[in-house]
Amino acid sequence: MIGWLIRTVIVGILAGYLANRIMQKDSSDAGKNLVLGLIGSFVGALIGWLIGLRDTNIIGSIIMAVVGACVATWAASKIS
């Protein structure tokens, strides 16, 4: 249980940071990166499920979370 939580936080921070760098946004706030990465993990998993992909290791989790975070960042910029 605690291992899953630590992995989720690490993947979330890394995915949020990478998505902010890819989308050319401010990436200095770790809390914002964590929230973006966690939302990205959910969005990435949903997109992967819809097209028939799933992550099997931490690298796959990071890739799917970064893709999801980029989609979430793009959608948020279009809404606001």
Protein backbone atom coordinates (compact mmCIF):
# COMPACT_ATOMS: atom_id res chain seq x y z
CA MET A 1 0.00 0.00 0.00
CA ILE A 2 2.68 2.51 0.99
CA GLY A 3 4.79 1.47 -2.02
CA TRP A 4 1.90 2.23 -4.36
CA LEU A 5 1.43 5.66 -2.77
CA ILE A 6 5.13 6.52 -3.09
CA ARG A 7 5.17 5.36 -6.71
CA THR A 8 2.05 7.41 -7.49
CA VAL A 9 3.54 10.57 -5.98
CA ILE A 10 6.86 10.12 -7.80
CA VAL A 11 5.16 9.42 -11.12
CA GLY A 12 2.78 12.33 -10.56
CA ILE A 13 5.52 14.87 -9.84
CA LEU A 14 7.68 13.67 -12.73
CA ALA A 15 4.77 13.55 -15.18
CA GLY A 16 3.54 17.00 -14.16
CA TYR A 17 7.03 18.47 -14.53
CA LEU A 18 7.59 16.86 -17.94
CA ALA A 19 4.14 17.91 -19.18
CA ASN A 20 4.77 21.50 -18.09
CA ARG A 21 8.10 21.48 -19.92
CA ILE A 22 6.55 19.97 -23.07
CA MET A 23 3.64 22.44 -23.03
CA GLN A 24 6.06 25.31 -22.22
CA LYS A 25 4.34 26.28 -18.96
CA ASP A 26 5.85 27.28 -15.59
CA SER A 27 7.20 24.10 -13.96
CA SER A 28 8.70 25.46 -10.74
CA ASP A 29 5.83 24.62 -8.34
CA ALA A 30 6.09 21.00 -7.09
CA GLY A 31 2.51 21.00 -5.72
CA LYS A 32 1.10 22.13 -9.04
CA ASN A 33 3.20 19.51 -10.83
CA LEU A 34 1.91 16.80 -8.47
CA VAL A 35 -1.73 17.73 -9.05
CA LEU A 36 -1.22 17.98 -12.81
CA GLY A 37 0.60 14.65 -12.84
CA LEU A 38 -2.10 12.89 -10.82
CA ILE A 39 -4.81 14.28 -13.10
CA GLY A 40 -2.62 13.29 -16.04
CA SER A 41 -2.30 9.75 -14.71
CA PHE A 42 -6.07 9.44 -14.61
CA VAL A 43 -6.55 11.00 -18.06
CA GLY A 44 -3.70 8.94 -19.54
CA ALA A 45 -5.12 5.72 -18.10
CA LEU A 46 -8.56 6.62 -19.48
CA ILE A 47 -7.15 7.37 -22.94
CA GLY A 48 -5.09 4.17 -22.84
CA TRP A 49 -8.13 2.15 -21.83
CA LEU A 50 -10.20 3.66 -24.65
CA ILE A 51 -7.63 2.74 -27.30
CA GLY A 52 -6.67 -0.61 -25.77
CA LEU A 53 -3.32 0.23 -24.15
CA ARG A 54 -2.23 -0.23 -20.56
CA ASP A 55 0.95 0.42 -18.65
CA THR A 56 2.85 -2.55 -17.29
CA ASN A 57 5.82 -0.86 -15.59
CA ILE A 58 6.89 2.51 -14.22
CA ILE A 59 8.14 3.77 -17.60
CA GLY A 60 4.75 3.04 -19.15
CA SER A 61 3.05 4.76 -16.22
CA ILE A 62 5.18 7.87 -16.70
CA ILE A 63 4.57 7.98 -20.45
CA MET A 64 0.81 7.58 -20.09
CA ALA A 65 0.71 10.15 -17.27
CA VAL A 66 2.71 12.68 -19.32
CA VAL A 67 0.39 12.22 -22.30
CA GLY A 68 -2.63 12.59 -20.03
CA ALA A 69 -1.16 15.66 -18.31
CA CYS A 70 -0.46 17.29 -21.69
CA VAL A 71 -4.05 16.63 -22.75
CA ALA A 72 -5.33 18.01 -19.42
CA THR A 73 -3.14 21.11 -19.74
CA TRP A 74 -4.35 21.69 -23.29
CA ALA A 75 -7.99 21.23 -22.28
CA ALA A 76 -7.61 23.58 -19.31
CA SER A 77 -6.09 26.27 -21.52
CA LYS A 78 -8.99 25.96 -23.97
CA ILE A 79 -11.59 26.19 -21.22
CA SER A 80 -10.15 29.25 -19.50
